[in-house]
Amino acid sequence: MFWMENTLYIFYFILSEVVLFPLIYFKVMITVGYLADWKRLIPLIVFWVLFGPFICVFNLAKDLFFYLKILCDYQDEEEHFKEKEEEDFK
């Protein structure tokens, strides 16, 4: 039952990050434009235009990995907590 409940949370997590992709994409492009000097501006913008979507998807996968890792650790901690309770009652 634990994972059945969390599938909705995982789906919502992925959906919320995908909805933020355009905002993140253009925000990074603007930030690169402000921080780059004139000699490197065009190559950096072209790099971001070409590889930005892949970087966003990679970051989504990394965030999802850490989210799932937290969910798995929570279950392990719950089992460890139950073992401690059983030991305390002995």
PDB file of N, CA and C in Angstrom:
ATOM      1  N   MET A   1       0.821  -1.193   0.000  1.00  0.00           N
ATOM      2  CA  MET A   1       0.000   0.000   0.000  1.00  0.00           C
ATOM      3  C   MET A   1       0.867   1.259   0.000  1.00  0.00           C
ATOM      4  N   PHE A   2       2.071   1.138   0.550  1.00  0.00           N
ATOM      5  CA  PHE A   2       2.964   2.291   0.632  1.00  0.00           C
ATOM      6  C   PHE A   2       3.260   2.865  -0.744  1.00  0.00           C
ATOM      7  N   TRP A   3       3.606   1.985  -1.699  1.00  0.00           N
ATOM      8  CA  TRP A   3       3.961   2.477  -3.030  1.00  0.00           C
ATOM      9  C   TRP A   3       2.746   2.848  -3.860  1.00  0.00           C
ATOM     10  N   MET A   4       1.601   2.277  -3.567  1.00  0.00           N
ATOM     11  CA  MET A   4       0.384   2.662  -4.304  1.00  0.00           C
ATOM     12  C   MET A   4       0.028   4.112  -4.009  1.00  0.00           C
ATOM     13  N   GLU A   5       0.209   4.524  -2.756  1.00  0.00           N
ATOM     14  CA  GLU A   5      -0.072   5.912  -2.400  1.00  0.00           C
ATOM     15  C   GLU A   5       0.951   6.850  -3.030  1.00  0.00           C
ATOM     16  N   ASN A   6       2.192   6.414  -3.054  1.00  0.00           N
ATOM     17  CA  ASN A   6       3.253   7.296  -3.521  1.00  0.00           C
ATOM     18  C   ASN A   6       3.328   7.411  -5.037  1.00  0.00           C
ATOM     19  N   THR A   7       2.680   6.541  -5.783  1.00  0.00           N
ATOM     20  CA  THR A   7       2.707   6.678  -7.239  1.00  0.00           C
ATOM     21  C   THR A   7       2.053   7.982  -7.659  1.00  0.00           C
ATOM     22  N   LEU A   8       1.008   8.393  -6.959  1.00  0.00           N
ATOM     23  CA  LEU A   8       0.394   9.685  -7.266  1.00  0.00           C
ATOM     24  C   LEU A   8       1.342  10.831  -6.957  1.00  0.00           C
ATOM     25  N   TYR A   9       2.072  10.738  -5.853  1.00  0.00           N
ATOM     26  CA  TYR A   9       3.030  11.776  -5.507  1.00  0.00           C
ATOM     27  C   TYR A   9       4.177  11.826  -6.516  1.00  0.00           C
ATOM     28  N   ILE A  10       4.618  10.669  -6.971  1.00  0.00           N
ATOM     29  CA  ILE A  10       5.690  10.618  -7.959  1.00  0.00           C
ATOM     30  C   ILE A  10       5.218  11.222  -9.277  1.00  0.00           C
ATOM     31  N   PHE A  11       4.012  10.868  -9.701  1.00  0.00           N
ATOM     32  CA  PHE A  11       3.458  11.432 -10.922  1.00  0.00           C
ATOM     33  C   PHE A  11       3.315  12.944 -10.797  1.00  0.00           C
ATOM     34  N   TYR A  12       2.836  13.439  -9.659  1.00  0.00           N
ATOM     35  CA  TYR A  12       2.694  14.871  -9.442  1.00  0.00           C
ATOM     36  C   TYR A  12       4.055  15.558  -9.433  1.00  0.00           C
ATOM     37  N   PHE A  13       5.054  14.926  -8.865  1.00  0.00           N
ATOM     38  CA  PHE A  13       6.409  15.478  -8.829  1.00  0.00           C
ATOM     39  C   PHE A  13       6.952  15.642 -10.250  1.00  0.00           C
ATOM     40  N   ILE A  14       6.803  14.605 -11.075  1.00  0.00           N
ATOM     41  CA  ILE A  14       7.277  14.667 -12.462  1.00  0.00           C
ATOM     42  C   ILE A  14       6.510  15.739 -13.231  1.00  0.00           C
ATOM     43  N   LEU A  15       5.205  15.775 -13.058  1.00  0.00           N
ATOM     44  CA  LEU A  15       4.386  16.759 -13.762  1.00  0.00           C
ATOM     45  C   LEU A  15       4.760  18.187 -13.372  1.00  0.00           C
ATOM     46  N   SER A  16       4.975  18.422 -12.086  1.00  0.00           N
ATOM     47  CA  SER A  16       5.319  19.777 -11.652  1.00  0.00           C
ATOM     48  C   SER A  16       6.682  20.212 -12.197  1.00  0.00           C
ATOM     49  N   GLU A  17       7.624  19.293 -12.288  1.00  0.00           N
ATOM     50  CA  GLU A  17       8.926  19.660 -12.857  1.00  0.00           C
ATOM     51  C   GLU A  17       8.834  19.876 -14.360  1.00  0.00           C
ATOM     52  N   VAL A  18       8.056  19.082 -15.055  1.00  0.00           N
ATOM     53  CA  VAL A  18       7.910  19.259 -16.505  1.00  0.00           C
ATOM     54  C   VAL A  18       7.221  20.588 -16.810  1.00  0.00           C
ATOM     55  N   VAL A  19       6.279  20.983 -15.982  1.00  0.00           N
ATOM     56  CA  VAL A  19       5.607  22.265 -16.180  1.00  0.00           C
ATOM     57  C   VAL A  19       6.594  23.420 -15.982  1.00  0.00           C
ATOM     58  N   LEU A  20       7.571  23.235 -15.115  1.00  0.00           N
ATOM     59  CA  LEU A  20       8.561  24.284 -14.865  1.00  0.00           C
ATOM     60  C   LEU A  20       9.683  24.321 -15.902  1.00  0.00           C
ATOM     61  N   PHE A  21       9.784  23.342 -16.791  1.00  0.00           N
ATOM     62  CA  PHE A  21      10.861  23.301 -17.780  1.00  0.00           C
ATOM     63  C   PHE A  21      10.967  24.582 -18.609  1.00  0.00           C
ATOM     64  N   PRO A  22       9.879  25.093 -19.197  1.00  0.00           N
ATOM     65  CA  PRO A  22      10.038  26.320 -20.000  1.00  0.00           C
ATOM     66  C   PRO A  22      10.548  27.507 -19.175  1.00  0.00           C
ATOM     67  N   LEU A  23      10.064  27.650 -17.963  1.00  0.00           N
ATOM     68  CA  LEU A  23      10.516  28.748 -17.114  1.00  0.00           C
ATOM     69  C   LEU A  23      12.007  28.603 -16.803  1.00  0.00           C
ATOM     70  N   ILE A  24      12.438  27.409 -16.447  1.00  0.00           N
ATOM     71  CA  ILE A  24      13.844  27.166 -16.140  1.00  0.00           C
ATOM     72  C   ILE A  24      14.699  27.375 -17.385  1.00  0.00           C
ATOM     73  N   TYR A  25      14.234  26.900 -18.521  1.00  0.00           N
ATOM     74  CA  TYR A  25      14.989  26.996 -19.774  1.00  0.00           C
ATOM     75  C   TYR A  25      15.271  28.453 -20.126  1.00  0.00           C
ATOM     76  N   PHE A  26      14.247  29.281 -20.106  1.00  0.00           N
ATOM     77  CA  PHE A  26      14.430  30.679 -20.476  1.00  0.00           C
ATOM     78  C   PHE A  26      15.129  31.478 -19.375  1.00  0.00           C
ATOM     79  N   LYS A  27      14.917  31.121 -18.128  1.00  0.00           N
ATOM     80  CA  LYS A  27      15.600  31.802 -17.026  1.00  0.00           C
ATOM     81  C   LYS A  27      17.105  31.576 -17.108  1.00  0.00           C
ATOM     82  N   VAL A  28      17.524  30.351 -17.397  1.00  0.00           N
ATOM     83  CA  VAL A  28      18.955  30.069 -17.535  1.00  0.00           C
ATOM     84  C   VAL A  28      19.512  30.791 -18.751  1.00  0.00           C
ATOM     85  N   MET A  29      18.759  30.850 -19.850  1.00  0.00           N
ATOM     86  CA  MET A  29      19.233  31.545 -21.042  1.00  0.00           C
ATOM     87  C   MET A  29      19.444  33.029 -20.750  1.00  0.00           C
ATOM     88  N   ILE A  30      18.539  33.637 -20.035  1.00  0.00           N
ATOM     89  CA  ILE A  30      18.672  35.053 -19.671  1.00  0.00           C
ATOM     90  C   ILE A  30      19.854  35.253 -18.729  1.00  0.00           C
ATOM     91  N   THR A  31      20.013  34.361 -17.765  1.00  0.00           N
ATOM     92  CA  THR A  31      21.134  34.461 -16.826  1.00  0.00           C
ATOM     93  C   THR A  31      22.463  34.323 -17.547  1.00  0.00           C
ATOM     94  N   VAL A  32      22.557  33.394 -18.476  1.00  0.00           N
ATOM     95  CA  VAL A  32      23.786  33.239 -19.266  1.00  0.00           C
ATOM     96  C   VAL A  32      24.039  34.511 -20.070  1.00  0.00           C
ATOM     97  N   GLY A  33      22.994  35.105 -20.605  1.00  0.00           N
ATOM     98  CA  GLY A  33      23.148  36.342 -21.364  1.00  0.00           C
ATOM     99  C   GLY A  33      23.664  37.490 -20.518  1.00  0.00           C
ATOM    100  N   TYR A  34      23.211  37.585 -19.284  1.00  0.00           N
ATOM    101  CA  TYR A  34      23.672  38.655 -18.404  1.00  0.00           C
ATOM    102  C   TYR A  34      25.100  38.425 -17.908  1.00  0.00           C
ATOM    103  N   LEU A  35      25.466  37.200 -17.642  1.00  0.00           N
ATOM    104  CA  LEU A  35      26.762  36.918 -17.017  1.00  0.00           C
ATOM    105  C   LEU A  35      27.906  36.722 -18.013  1.00  0.00           C
ATOM    106  N   ALA A  36      27.598  36.420 -19.257  1.00  0.00           N
ATOM    107  CA  ALA A  36      28.649  36.148 -20.244  1.00  0.00           C
ATOM    108  C   ALA A  36      29.182  37.459 -20.822  1.00  0.00           C
ATOM    109  N   ASP A  37      30.469  37.445 -21.160  1.00  0.00           N
ATOM    110  CA  ASP A  37      31.019  38.600 -21.864  1.00  0.00           C
ATOM    111  C   ASP A  37      30.672  38.475 -23.343  1.00  0.00           C
ATOM    112  N   TRP A  38      30.929  39.527 -24.101  1.00  0.00           N
ATOM    113  CA  TRP A  38      30.472  39.572 -25.493  1.00  0.00           C
ATOM    114  C   TRP A  38      31.146  38.533 -26.383  1.00  0.00           C
ATOM    115  N   LYS A  39      32.367  38.141 -26.055  1.00  0.00           N
ATOM    116  CA  LYS A  39      33.076  37.175 -26.901  1.00  0.00           C
ATOM    117  C   LYS A  39      32.499  35.772 -26.758  1.00  0.00           C
ATOM    118  N   ARG A  40      31.989  35.450 -25.589  1.00  0.00           N
ATOM    119  CA  ARG A  40      31.495  34.097 -25.336  1.00  0.00           C
ATOM    120  C   ARG A  40      29.976  34.011 -25.319  1.00  0.00           C
ATOM    121  N   LEU A  41      29.298  35.101 -25.545  1.00  0.00           N
ATOM    122  CA  LEU A  41      27.837  35.110 -25.444  1.00  0.00           C
ATOM    123  C   LEU A  41      27.177  34.193 -26.470  1.00  0.00           C
ATOM    124  N   ILE A  42      27.525  34.347 -27.722  1.00  0.00           N
ATOM    125  CA  ILE A  42      26.881  33.567 -28.790  1.00  0.00           C
ATOM    126  C   ILE A  42      27.151  32.068 -28.625  1.00  0.00           C
ATOM    127  N   PRO A  43      28.397  31.625 -28.390  1.00  0.00           N
ATOM    128  CA  PRO A  43      28.611  30.173 -28.213  1.00  0.00           C
ATOM    129  C   PRO A  43      27.851  29.597 -27.007  1.00  0.00           C
ATOM    130  N   LEU A  44      27.785  30.357 -25.916  1.00  0.00           N
ATOM    131  CA  LEU A  44      27.075  29.852 -24.740  1.00  0.00           C
ATOM    132  C   LEU A  44      25.567  29.773 -24.983  1.00  0.00           C
ATOM    133  N   ILE A  45      25.019  30.763 -25.655  1.00  0.00           N
ATOM    134  CA  ILE A  45      23.578  30.736 -25.967  1.00  0.00           C
ATOM    135  C   ILE A  45      23.278  29.575 -26.921  1.00  0.00           C
ATOM    136  N   VAL A  46      24.127  29.370 -27.927  1.00  0.00           N
ATOM    137  CA  VAL A  46      23.916  28.258 -28.867  1.00  0.00           C
ATOM    138  C   VAL A  46      24.023  26.926 -28.131  1.00  0.00           C
ATOM    139  N   PHE A  47      25.016  26.809 -27.223  1.00  0.00           N
ATOM    140  CA  PHE A  47      25.147  25.587 -26.437  1.00  0.00           C
ATOM    141  C   PHE A  47      23.883  25.333 -25.625  1.00  0.00           C
ATOM    142  N   TRP A  48      23.366  26.371 -24.966  1.00  0.00           N
ATOM    143  CA  TRP A  48      22.178  26.185 -24.133  1.00  0.00           C
ATOM    144  C   TRP A  48      20.953  25.851 -24.981  1.00  0.00           C
ATOM    145  N   VAL A  49      20.821  26.491 -26.142  1.00  0.00           N
ATOM    146  CA  VAL A  49      19.678  26.200 -27.016  1.00  0.00           C
ATOM    147  C   VAL A  49      19.711  24.744 -27.474  1.00  0.00           C
ATOM    148  N   LEU A  50      20.900  24.223 -27.782  1.00  0.00           N
ATOM    149  CA  LEU A  50      21.012  22.852 -28.277  1.00  0.00           C
ATOM    150  C   LEU A  50      20.927  21.810 -27.167  1.00  0.00           C
ATOM    151  N   PHE A  51      21.607  22.063 -26.052  1.00  0.00           N
ATOM    152  CA  PHE A  51      21.722  21.036 -25.022  1.00  0.00           C
ATOM    153  C   PHE A  51      20.885  21.323 -23.776  1.00  0.00           C
ATOM    154  N   GLY A  52      20.248  22.468 -23.700  1.00  0.00           N
ATOM    155  CA  GLY A  52      19.434  22.824 -22.537  1.00  0.00           C
ATOM    156  C   GLY A  52      18.312  21.845 -22.238  1.00  0.00           C
ATOM    157  N   PRO A  53      17.544  21.429 -23.249  1.00  0.00           N
ATOM    158  CA  PRO A  53      16.482  20.453 -22.964  1.00  0.00           C
ATOM    159  C   PRO A  53      17.013  19.136 -22.398  1.00  0.00           C
ATOM    160  N   PHE A  54      18.158  18.677 -22.899  1.00  0.00           N
ATOM    161  CA  PHE A  54      18.734  17.439 -22.377  1.00  0.00           C
ATOM    162  C   PHE A  54      19.207  17.610 -20.937  1.00  0.00           C
ATOM    163  N   ILE A  55      19.749  18.779 -20.642  1.00  0.00           N
ATOM    164  CA  ILE A  55      20.191  19.064 -19.278  1.00  0.00           C
ATOM    165  C   ILE A  55      18.986  19.114 -18.340  1.00  0.00           C
ATOM    166  N   CYS A  56      17.883  19.698 -18.805  1.00  0.00           N
ATOM    167  CA  CYS A  56      16.663  19.738 -17.986  1.00  0.00           C
ATOM    168  C   CYS A  56      16.134  18.330 -17.708  1.00  0.00           C
ATOM    169  N   VAL A  57      16.137  17.476 -18.721  1.00  0.00           N
ATOM    170  CA  VAL A  57      15.670  16.103 -18.536  1.00  0.00           C
ATOM    171  C   VAL A  57      16.615  15.340 -17.602  1.00  0.00           C
ATOM    172  N   PHE A  58      17.922  15.569 -17.739  1.00  0.00           N
ATOM    173  CA  PHE A  58      18.886  14.935 -16.841  1.00  0.00           C
ATOM    174  C   PHE A  58      18.638  15.370 -15.393  1.00  0.00           C
ATOM    175  N   ASN A  59      18.391  16.655 -15.193  1.00  0.00           N
ATOM    176  CA  ASN A  59      18.118  17.142 -13.843  1.00  0.00           C
ATOM    177  C   ASN A  59      16.806  16.587 -13.294  1.00  0.00           C
ATOM    178  N   LEU A  60      15.811  16.383 -14.160  1.00  0.00           N
ATOM    179  CA  LEU A  60      14.573  15.743 -13.732  1.00  0.00           C
ATOM    180  C   LEU A  60      14.845  14.321 -13.254  1.00  0.00           C
ATOM    181  N   ALA A  61      15.658  13.585 -14.018  1.00  0.00           N
ATOM    182  CA  ALA A  61      15.988  12.212 -13.625  1.00  0.00           C
ATOM    183  C   ALA A  61      16.752  12.196 -12.306  1.00  0.00           C
ATOM    184  N   LYS A  62      17.669  13.131 -12.128  1.00  0.00           N
ATOM    185  CA  LYS A  62      18.445  13.202 -10.889  1.00  0.00           C
ATOM    186  C   LYS A  62      17.541  13.553  -9.707  1.00  0.00           C
ATOM    187  N   ASP A  63      16.642  14.530  -9.886  1.00  0.00           N
ATOM    188  CA  ASP A  63      15.713  14.891  -8.813  1.00  0.00           C
ATOM    189  C   ASP A  63      14.783  13.732  -8.476  1.00  0.00           C
ATOM    190  N   LEU A  64      14.317  13.026  -9.506  1.00  0.00           N
ATOM    191  CA  LEU A  64      13.438  11.877  -9.271  1.00  0.00           C
ATOM    192  C   LEU A  64      14.177  10.764  -8.536  1.00  0.00           C
ATOM    193  N   PHE A  65      15.443  10.558  -8.863  1.00  0.00           N
ATOM    194  CA  PHE A  65      16.246   9.560  -8.160  1.00  0.00           C
ATOM    195  C   PHE A  65      16.335   9.889  -6.672  1.00  0.00           C
ATOM    196  N   PHE A  66      16.633  11.139  -6.347  1.00  0.00           N
ATOM    197  CA  PHE A  66      16.740  11.520  -4.940  1.00  0.00           C
ATOM    198  C   PHE A  66      15.387  11.449  -4.235  1.00  0.00           C
ATOM    199  N   TYR A  67      14.304  11.785  -4.949  1.00  0.00           N
ATOM    200  CA  TYR A  67      12.962  11.689  -4.375  1.00  0.00           C
ATOM    201  C   TYR A  67      12.620  10.233  -4.041  1.00  0.00           C
ATOM    202  N   LEU A  68      12.911   9.340  -4.972  1.00  0.00           N
ATOM    203  CA  LEU A  68      12.656   7.917  -4.721  1.00  0.00           C
ATOM    204  C   LEU A  68      13.569   7.380  -3.626  1.00  0.00           C
ATOM    205  N   LYS A  69      14.797   7.850  -3.575  1.00  0.00           N
ATOM    206  CA  LYS A  69      15.720   7.424  -2.531  1.00  0.00           C
ATOM    207  C   LYS A  69      15.197   7.830  -1.157  1.00  0.00           C
ATOM    208  N   ILE A  70      14.644   9.015  -1.052  1.00  0.00           N
ATOM    209  CA  ILE A  70      14.059   9.466   0.213  1.00  0.00           C
ATOM    210  C   ILE A  70      12.865   8.598   0.580  1.00  0.00           C
ATOM    211  N   LEU A  71      12.031   8.261  -0.392  1.00  0.00           N
ATOM    212  CA  LEU A  71      10.879   7.403  -0.111  1.00  0.00           C
ATOM    213  C   LEU A  71      11.327   6.014   0.348  1.00  0.00           C
ATOM    214  N   CYS A  72      12.358   5.479  -0.265  1.00  0.00           N
ATOM    215  CA  CYS A  72      12.852   4.157   0.135  1.00  0.00           C
ATOM    216  C   CYS A  72      13.498   4.201   1.506  1.00  0.00           C
ATOM    217  N   ASP A  73      14.238   5.259   1.805  1.00  0.00           N
ATOM    218  CA  ASP A  73      14.871   5.386   3.112  1.00  0.00           C
ATOM    219  C   ASP A  73      13.838   5.520   4.214  1.00  0.00           C
ATOM    220  N   TYR A  74      12.746   6.189   3.909  1.00  0.00           N
ATOM    221  CA  TYR A  74      11.697   6.359   4.904  1.00  0.00           C
ATOM    222  C   TYR A  74      11.147   5.000   5.322  1.00  0.00           C
ATOM    223  N   GLN A  75      10.938   4.120   4.360  1.00  0.00           N
ATOM    224  CA  GLN A  75      10.421   2.800   4.675  1.00  0.00           C
ATOM    225  C   GLN A  75      11.437   2.016   5.504  1.00  0.00           C
ATOM    226  N   ASP A  76      12.724   2.130   5.187  1.00  0.00           N
ATOM    227  CA  ASP A  76      13.755   1.446   5.964  1.00  0.00           C
ATOM    228  C   ASP A  76      13.812   1.971   7.388  1.00  0.00           C
ATOM    229  N   GLU A  77      13.676   3.287   7.553  1.00  0.00           N
ATOM    230  CA  GLU A  77      13.695   3.867   8.891  1.00  0.00           C
ATOM    231  C   GLU A  77      12.476   3.423   9.700  1.00  0.00           C
ATOM    232  N   GLU A  78      11.343   3.278   9.018  1.00  0.00           N
ATOM    233  CA  GLU A  78      10.129   2.835   9.713  1.00  0.00           C
ATOM    234  C   GLU A  78      10.318   1.412  10.237  1.00  0.00           C
ATOM    235  N   GLU A  79      10.915   0.545   9.425  1.00  0.00           N
ATOM    236  CA  GLU A  79      11.175  -0.830   9.870  1.00  0.00           C
ATOM    237  C   GLU A  79      12.180  -0.844  11.016  1.00  0.00           C
ATOM    238  N   HIS A  80      13.190   0.012  10.923  1.00  0.00           N
ATOM    239  CA  HIS A  80      14.187   0.095  11.989  1.00  0.00           C
ATOM    240  C   HIS A  80      13.537   0.605  13.282  1.00  0.00           C
ATOM    241  N   PHE A  81      12.620   1.565  13.144  1.00  0.00           N
ATOM    242  CA  PHE A  81      11.917   2.098  14.311  1.00  0.00           C
ATOM    243  C   PHE A  81      11.046   1.017  14.957  1.00  0.00           C
ATOM    244  N   LYS A  82      10.400   0.191  14.154  1.00  0.00           N
ATOM    245  CA  LYS A  82       9.578  -0.902  14.692  1.00  0.00           C
ATOM    246  C   LYS A  82      10.450  -1.919  15.435  1.00  0.00           C
ATOM    247  N   GLU A  83      11.631  -2.207  14.895  1.00  0.00           N
ATOM    248  CA  GLU A  83      12.548  -3.131  15.571  1.00  0.00           C
ATOM    249  C   GLU A  83      12.979  -2.570  16.919  1.00  0.00           C
ATOM    250  N   LYS A  84      13.248  -1.280  16.979  1.00  0.00           N
ATOM    251  CA  LYS A  84      13.640  -0.653  18.240  1.00  0.00           C
ATOM    252  C   LYS A  84      12.501  -0.725  19.256  1.00  0.00           C
ATOM    253  N   GLU A  85      11.274  -0.498  18.795  1.00  0.00           N
ATOM    254  CA  GLU A  85      10.127  -0.584  19.692  1.00  0.00           C
ATOM    255  C   GLU A  85       9.973  -1.997  20.248  1.00  0.00           C
ATOM    256  N   GLU A  86      10.150  -3.002  19.398  1.00  0.00           N
ATOM    257  CA  GLU A  86      10.045  -4.395  19.853  1.00  0.00           C
ATOM    258  C   GLU A  86      11.134  -4.725  20.870  1.00  0.00           C
ATOM    259  N   GLU A  87      12.330  -4.199  20.658  1.00  0.00           N
ATOM    260  CA  GLU A  87      13.410  -4.428  21.612  1.00  0.00           C
ATOM    261  C   GLU A  87      13.133  -3.734  22.947  1.00  0.00           C
ATOM    262  N   ASP A  88      12.518  -2.565  22.889  1.00  0.00           N
ATOM    263  CA  ASP A  88      12.207  -1.818  24.121  1.00  0.00           C
ATOM    264  C   ASP A  88      11.169  -2.539  24.969  1.00  0.00           C
ATOM    265  N   PHE A  89      10.245  -3.222  24.331  1.00  0.00           N
ATOM    266  CA  PHE A  89       9.185  -3.916  25.075  1.00  0.00           C
ATOM    267  C   PHE A  89       9.652  -5.236  25.664  1.00  0.00           C
ATOM    268  N   LYS A  90      10.809  -5.736  25.273  1.00  0.00           N
ATOM    269  CA  LYS A  90      11.309  -7.007  25.795  1.00  0.00           C
ATOM    270  C   LYS A  90      11.866  -6.857  27.174  1.00  0.00           C
TER     271      LYS A  90
END
